[in-house]
């Protein structure tokens, strides 16, 4: 088998494996729909209450699935072509002992301020490009990702500049969806505990759904709270563990922090009407960023 065919097979297998968690989540949602609408909903005798519960349940379910699919199928963003070296430039960089100078000369046509801890230009040898500010290479997606936060196995995709809003909303509606199930089923579980009738299989579905919802809510809420913190401080998961370095080798963990409200609008946009929905609203292009007291397209020296 040729190397190209091996690479294709490897890529296909990797993509299949990446979507196993997604299939698991969708299967779990399918089962929970049956458990809630049939096993639980069928036990509500008062029709107006059953209708109200059904409407609320479907609202949370639709918003959950909408944000989930947007996080899955929205590309996180990759560097523009100007950040990629030509074959000639890449050959010069590899054959010339002054490779660092070659990168510096190439950087004259782009906007980039972040550096490695040693002060060198951040270069991706796999993609043959200079990494834009806040970008990183994802070994799973096999590309550099703009404003990369992390690779999430539960969405089978990288979380970056273009889909970070969708990811946060996905966590938000996951918490609401699971919390709604827990609140609805809690009285049912109390009655089940007092009755102790284990012969009804429908009750078993409701009990398992309740326990699964509790586990998912507690787990996802912790992650959701962490990302709200990152959002309000204009950080990514990667930046929270290792602050970005800039020219001169200095690290600045608060360089992109514009204040909680402005940080929020960087991801969710200026229109409050769009904040709750997974529609494009984020500001910027993913490779040039506002900073605390200056714009990185006009200066490179912080004033505070």
Protein backbone atom coordinates (compact mmCIF):
# COMPACT_ATOMS: atom_id res chain seq x y z
CA UNK A 1 0.00 0.00 0.00
CA UNK A 2 1.37 3.42 -0.97
CA UNK A 3 2.08 6.12 1.57
CA UNK A 4 -0.75 8.32 0.20
CA UNK A 5 -3.30 5.50 0.55
CA UNK A 6 -2.08 4.79 4.07
CA UNK A 7 -2.53 8.46 4.96
CA UNK A 8 -6.06 8.46 3.53
CA UNK A 9 -6.99 5.32 5.47
CA UNK A 10 -5.45 6.73 8.63
CA UNK A 11 -7.39 9.99 8.24
CA UNK A 12 -10.68 8.16 7.65
CA UNK A 13 -10.15 5.90 10.67
CA UNK A 14 -9.25 8.87 12.82
CA UNK A 15 -12.37 10.76 11.79
CA UNK A 16 -14.54 7.72 12.55
CA UNK A 17 -12.99 7.33 15.99
CA UNK A 18 -13.38 11.08 16.64
CA UNK A 19 -17.14 10.86 16.09
CA UNK A 20 -17.73 7.91 18.44
CA UNK A 21 -18.39 10.27 21.42
CA UNK A 22 -20.77 12.29 19.22
CA UNK A 23 -22.72 9.16 18.27
CA UNK A 24 -22.84 8.17 21.95
CA UNK A 25 -24.28 11.57 22.94
CA UNK A 26 -26.91 11.47 20.17
CA UNK A 27 -27.91 7.92 21.12
CA UNK A 28 -28.23 9.01 24.75
CA UNK A 29 -30.41 11.94 23.71
CA UNK A 30 -32.60 9.62 21.63
CA UNK A 31 -33.13 7.32 24.59
CA UNK A 32 -33.75 10.23 26.98
CA UNK A 33 -36.45 11.52 24.62
CA UNK A 34 -38.29 8.22 24.97
CA UNK A 35 -37.71 8.14 28.72
CA UNK A 36 -39.02 11.67 29.24
CA UNK A 37 -41.89 11.87 26.76
CA UNK A 38 -43.21 8.32 27.17
CA UNK A 39 -42.06 6.91 30.50
CA UNK A 40 -42.29 10.18 32.44
CA UNK A 41 -44.72 12.28 30.40
CA UNK A 42 -47.19 9.45 30.11
CA UNK A 43 -47.57 9.49 33.88
CA UNK A 44 -48.75 13.12 34.02
CA UNK A 45 -52.53 12.91 34.24
CA UNK A 46 -53.31 16.65 34.20
CA UNK A 47 -53.33 17.64 30.52
CA UNK A 48 -52.36 21.36 30.83
CA UNK A 49 -49.32 20.42 32.91
CA UNK A 50 -48.35 17.73 30.42
CA UNK A 51 -48.58 20.22 27.54
CA UNK A 52 -46.52 22.86 29.41
CA UNK A 53 -43.84 20.33 30.36
CA UNK A 54 -43.71 19.06 26.78
CA UNK A 55 -43.30 22.58 25.35
CA UNK A 56 -40.48 23.46 27.75
CA UNK A 57 -38.76 20.13 27.20
CA UNK A 58 -38.80 20.50 23.42
CA UNK A 59 -37.50 24.08 23.67
CA UNK A 60 -34.48 23.02 25.71
CA UNK A 61 -33.94 19.97 23.49
CA UNK A 62 -34.05 22.00 20.27
CA UNK A 63 -31.65 24.62 21.62
CA UNK A 64 -29.32 21.89 22.88
CA UNK A 65 -29.24 20.11 19.50
CA UNK A 66 -28.96 23.36 17.54
CA UNK A 67 -25.93 24.57 19.49
CA UNK A 68 -24.42 21.07 19.52
CA UNK A 69 -24.57 20.66 15.75
CA UNK A 70 -23.24 24.18 15.20
CA UNK A 71 -20.26 23.39 17.44
CA UNK A 72 -19.68 20.14 15.55
CA UNK A 73 -20.00 21.33 11.96
CA UNK A 74 -18.61 24.87 12.15
CA UNK A 75 -14.94 25.01 11.20
CA UNK A 76 -12.98 26.76 13.98
CA UNK A 77 -11.04 28.87 11.49
CA UNK A 78 -7.59 28.59 9.91
CA UNK A 79 -4.90 31.17 9.11
CA UNK A 80 -5.29 33.23 5.93
CA UNK A 81 -3.01 32.45 3.00
CA UNK A 82 -0.72 35.39 3.73
CA UNK A 83 0.60 33.56 6.81
CA UNK A 84 1.77 30.57 4.77
CA UNK A 85 5.28 30.42 3.36
CA UNK A 86 5.79 29.81 -0.31
CA UNK A 87 7.79 26.74 -1.29
CA UNK A 88 10.70 29.01 -2.12
CA UNK A 89 10.55 30.74 1.27
CA UNK A 90 10.27 27.42 3.10
CA UNK A 91 13.26 26.03 1.20
CA UNK A 92 15.28 29.15 2.01
CA UNK A 93 14.39 28.89 5.67
CA UNK A 94 15.46 25.23 5.86
CA UNK A 95 18.63 25.58 3.81
CA UNK A 96 19.73 28.91 5.21
CA UNK A 97 21.40 29.17 8.61
CA UNK A 98 19.63 32.48 8.97
CA UNK A 99 16.19 30.87 9.02
CA UNK A 100 15.04 33.16 11.80
CA UNK A 101 15.80 36.18 9.63
CA UNK A 102 13.80 34.64 6.78
CA UNK A 103 10.77 34.33 9.08
CA UNK A 104 11.21 37.89 10.29
CA UNK A 105 11.25 39.15 6.70
CA UNK A 106 8.12 37.13 5.87
CA UNK A 107 6.37 38.53 8.95
CA UNK A 108 6.64 42.01 7.43
CA UNK A 109 3.58 41.26 5.26
CA UNK A 110 1.41 40.08 8.16
CA UNK A 111 0.37 41.16 11.65
CA UNK A 112 1.87 38.98 14.37
CA UNK A 113 3.19 39.84 17.82
CA UNK A 114 3.29 36.65 19.82
CA UNK A 115 6.62 34.85 20.07
CA UNK A 116 8.00 31.70 21.63
CA UNK A 117 9.46 31.84 25.14
CA UNK A 118 12.89 32.39 23.53
CA UNK A 119 11.62 35.32 21.46
CA UNK A 120 11.54 33.45 18.14
CA UNK A 121 8.76 33.64 15.58
CA UNK A 122 6.09 31.00 16.16
CA UNK A 123 6.30 28.77 13.10
CA UNK A 124 4.33 25.61 12.26
CA UNK A 125 6.56 23.28 10.29
CA UNK A 126 3.64 20.96 9.48
CA UNK A 127 1.48 23.61 7.82
CA UNK A 128 4.50 25.69 6.77
CA UNK A 129 2.99 28.87 8.14
CA UNK A 130 3.70 31.53 10.72
CA UNK A 131 1.16 31.05 13.47
CA UNK A 132 -1.16 34.03 13.90
CA UNK A 133 -1.54 35.43 17.40
CA UNK A 134 -3.44 33.03 19.69
CA UNK A 135 -3.33 30.25 17.08
CA UNK A 136 -2.03 26.74 17.64
CA UNK A 137 -1.66 23.55 15.64
CA UNK A 138 -4.15 20.78 16.42
CA UNK A 139 -2.74 17.30 15.88
CA UNK A 140 -6.25 15.84 15.71
CA UNK A 141 -7.62 18.25 13.10
CA UNK A 142 -4.20 18.42 11.40
CA UNK A 143 -4.24 22.18 10.92
CA UNK A 144 -3.48 25.43 12.70
CA UNK A 145 -6.61 26.80 14.38
CA UNK A 146 -7.37 30.49 14.90
CA UNK A 147 -7.70 31.45 18.57
CA UNK A 148 -7.59 27.78 19.49
CA UNK A 149 -9.19 26.93 22.82
CA UNK A 150 -8.94 23.12 22.80
CA UNK A 151 -9.91 20.04 20.85
CA UNK A 152 -13.16 18.69 22.26
CA UNK A 153 -13.82 14.96 21.71
CA UNK A 154 -17.49 15.41 22.60
CA UNK A 155 -18.06 17.60 19.54
CA UNK A 156 -15.43 15.88 17.39
CA UNK A 157 -13.99 19.26 16.50
CA UNK A 158 -11.60 21.94 17.58
CA UNK A 159 -13.04 24.86 19.51
CA UNK A 160 -11.67 28.10 18.12
CA UNK A 161 -12.47 31.57 16.86
CA UNK A 162 -15.57 30.86 14.77
CA UNK A 163 -17.30 28.24 16.92
CA UNK A 164 -16.39 29.21 20.49
CA UNK A 165 -19.73 30.97 20.97
CA UNK A 166 -21.55 27.84 19.85
CA UNK A 167 -19.51 25.71 22.25
CA UNK A 168 -20.30 27.95 25.23
CA UNK A 169 -23.99 27.97 24.28
CA UNK A 170 -23.86 24.18 23.95
CA UNK A 171 -22.62 23.95 27.54
CA UNK A 172 -25.26 26.47 28.60
CA UNK A 173 -28.18 24.57 27.10
CA UNK A 174 -26.78 21.23 28.24
CA UNK A 175 -26.98 22.52 31.81
CA UNK A 176 -30.52 23.84 31.29
CA UNK A 177 -31.66 20.63 29.56
CA UNK A 178 -30.31 18.31 32.25
CA UNK A 179 -31.43 20.60 35.10
CA UNK A 180 -34.95 20.69 33.66
CA UNK A 181 -35.04 16.88 33.58
CA UNK A 182 -33.76 16.67 37.17
CA UNK A 183 -36.35 19.16 38.44
CA UNK A 184 -39.21 17.46 36.63
CA UNK A 185 -38.24 13.95 37.72
CA UNK A 186 -37.35 14.74 41.34
CA UNK A 187 -40.95 14.42 42.68
CA UNK A 188 -41.36 11.25 40.62
CA UNK A 189 -38.19 9.78 42.16
CA UNK A 190 -39.44 10.62 45.68
CA UNK A 191 -42.73 8.83 44.98
CA UNK A 192 -40.83 5.90 43.49
CA UNK A 193 -38.63 5.67 46.59
CA UNK A 194 -41.65 5.70 48.89
CA UNK A 195 -43.58 3.22 46.77
CA UNK A 196 -40.59 0.93 46.10
CA UNK A 197 -42.38 -0.70 43.17
CA UNK A 198 -39.62 -2.09 40.91
CA UNK A 199 -41.89 -4.11 38.60
CA UNK A 200 -42.76 -1.18 36.31
CA UNK A 201 -40.12 -0.94 33.55
CA UNK A 202 -41.18 2.63 32.72
CA UNK A 203 -40.21 3.70 36.21
CA UNK A 204 -36.82 2.15 35.67
CA UNK A 205 -36.27 4.35 32.56
CA UNK A 206 -37.19 7.47 34.53
CA UNK A 207 -34.86 6.53 37.39
CA UNK A 208 -31.89 5.96 35.07
CA UNK A 209 -32.66 9.18 33.16
CA UNK A 210 -32.71 11.10 36.43
CA UNK A 211 -29.36 9.70 37.55
CA UNK A 212 -27.74 10.32 34.14
CA UNK A 213 -29.08 13.90 34.10
CA UNK A 214 -27.66 14.56 37.57
CA UNK A 215 -24.23 13.27 36.58
CA UNK A 216 -24.15 15.24 33.33
CA UNK A 217 -25.37 18.43 34.99
CA UNK A 218 -22.72 18.34 37.71
CA UNK A 219 -19.98 17.50 35.22
CA UNK A 220 -20.93 20.00 32.52
CA UNK A 221 -21.71 22.79 34.96
CA UNK A 222 -18.13 22.74 36.23
CA UNK A 223 -16.84 23.01 32.67
CA UNK A 224 -19.42 25.71 31.88
CA UNK A 225 -18.36 27.78 34.89
CA UNK A 226 -14.71 27.47 33.85
CA UNK A 227 -15.46 28.72 30.33
CA UNK A 228 -17.54 31.60 31.64
CA UNK A 229 -14.46 32.60 33.64
CA UNK A 230 -12.29 32.33 30.53
CA UNK A 231 -14.84 34.25 28.47
CA UNK A 232 -15.04 37.15 30.93
CA UNK A 233 -11.22 37.35 31.07
CA UNK A 234 -10.73 36.90 27.31
CA UNK A 235 -8.57 33.82 27.69
CA UNK A 236 -8.49 30.46 26.00
CA UNK A 237 -7.97 27.15 27.78
CA UNK A 238 -4.42 27.02 26.40
CA UNK A 239 -3.68 30.59 27.53
CA UNK A 240 -4.98 29.86 31.03
CA UNK A 241 -2.25 27.25 31.49
CA UNK A 242 0.52 29.10 29.65
CA UNK A 243 0.29 32.86 29.07
CA UNK A 244 1.29 34.05 25.59
CA UNK A 245 4.78 35.49 25.07
CA UNK A 246 5.55 38.57 23.01
CA UNK A 247 8.52 40.37 21.51
CA UNK A 248 11.32 40.54 24.01
CA UNK A 249 10.26 37.22 25.56
CA UNK A 250 7.88 38.72 28.13
CA UNK A 251 4.64 36.88 28.99
CA UNK A 252 1.44 38.83 29.51
CA UNK A 253 -1.57 36.87 30.80
CA UNK A 254 -3.87 39.91 30.64
CA UNK A 255 -2.88 41.34 27.27
CA UNK A 256 -6.27 40.63 25.65
CA UNK A 257 -8.38 41.44 28.73
CA UNK A 258 -10.66 44.38 27.82
CA UNK A 259 -12.95 44.10 30.84
CA UNK A 260 -15.77 41.56 31.41
CA UNK A 261 -18.44 43.22 29.24
CA UNK A 262 -16.15 43.93 26.29
CA UNK A 263 -14.63 40.46 26.58
CA UNK A 264 -18.11 38.97 26.42
CA UNK A 265 -18.96 40.98 23.30
CA UNK A 266 -15.79 39.81 21.58
CA UNK A 267 -17.37 36.35 21.41
CA UNK A 268 -21.13 37.00 21.52
CA UNK A 269 -21.25 40.25 19.55
CA UNK A 270 -22.89 43.62 20.17
CA UNK A 271 -26.54 42.61 19.71
CA UNK A 272 -28.22 41.19 22.84
CA UNK A 273 -30.92 39.71 20.60
CA UNK A 274 -28.38 37.25 19.17
CA UNK A 275 -26.63 36.26 22.38
CA UNK A 276 -28.89 33.28 23.13
CA UNK A 277 -28.79 31.83 19.63
CA UNK A 278 -26.00 29.97 17.76
CA UNK A 279 -25.67 32.45 14.94
CA UNK A 280 -22.47 34.26 13.84
CA UNK A 281 -21.91 37.35 15.97
CA UNK A 282 -18.30 37.29 17.19
CA UNK A 283 -16.09 40.28 16.53
CA UNK A 284 -12.76 40.35 14.74
CA UNK A 285 -11.11 38.11 12.18
CA UNK A 286 -9.39 35.65 14.51
CA UNK A 287 -5.82 36.80 13.90
CA UNK A 288 -5.83 40.50 14.89
CA UNK A 289 -7.02 41.39 18.38
CA UNK A 290 -7.82 44.38 20.52
CA UNK A 291 -5.76 44.55 23.66
CA UNK A 292 -6.06 46.24 27.04
CA UNK A 293 -4.93 49.69 26.02
CA UNK A 294 -3.94 49.52 22.38
CA UNK A 295 -4.62 47.82 19.07
CA UNK A 296 -1.96 45.36 18.01
CA UNK A 297 -2.13 46.63 14.45
CA UNK A 298 -0.74 50.02 15.47
CA UNK A 299 1.75 49.36 18.26
CA UNK A 300 3.51 46.55 20.03
CA UNK A 301 4.36 48.19 23.34
CA UNK A 302 1.77 48.07 26.15
CA UNK A 303 1.10 51.35 27.91
CA UNK A 304 -0.17 49.82 31.15
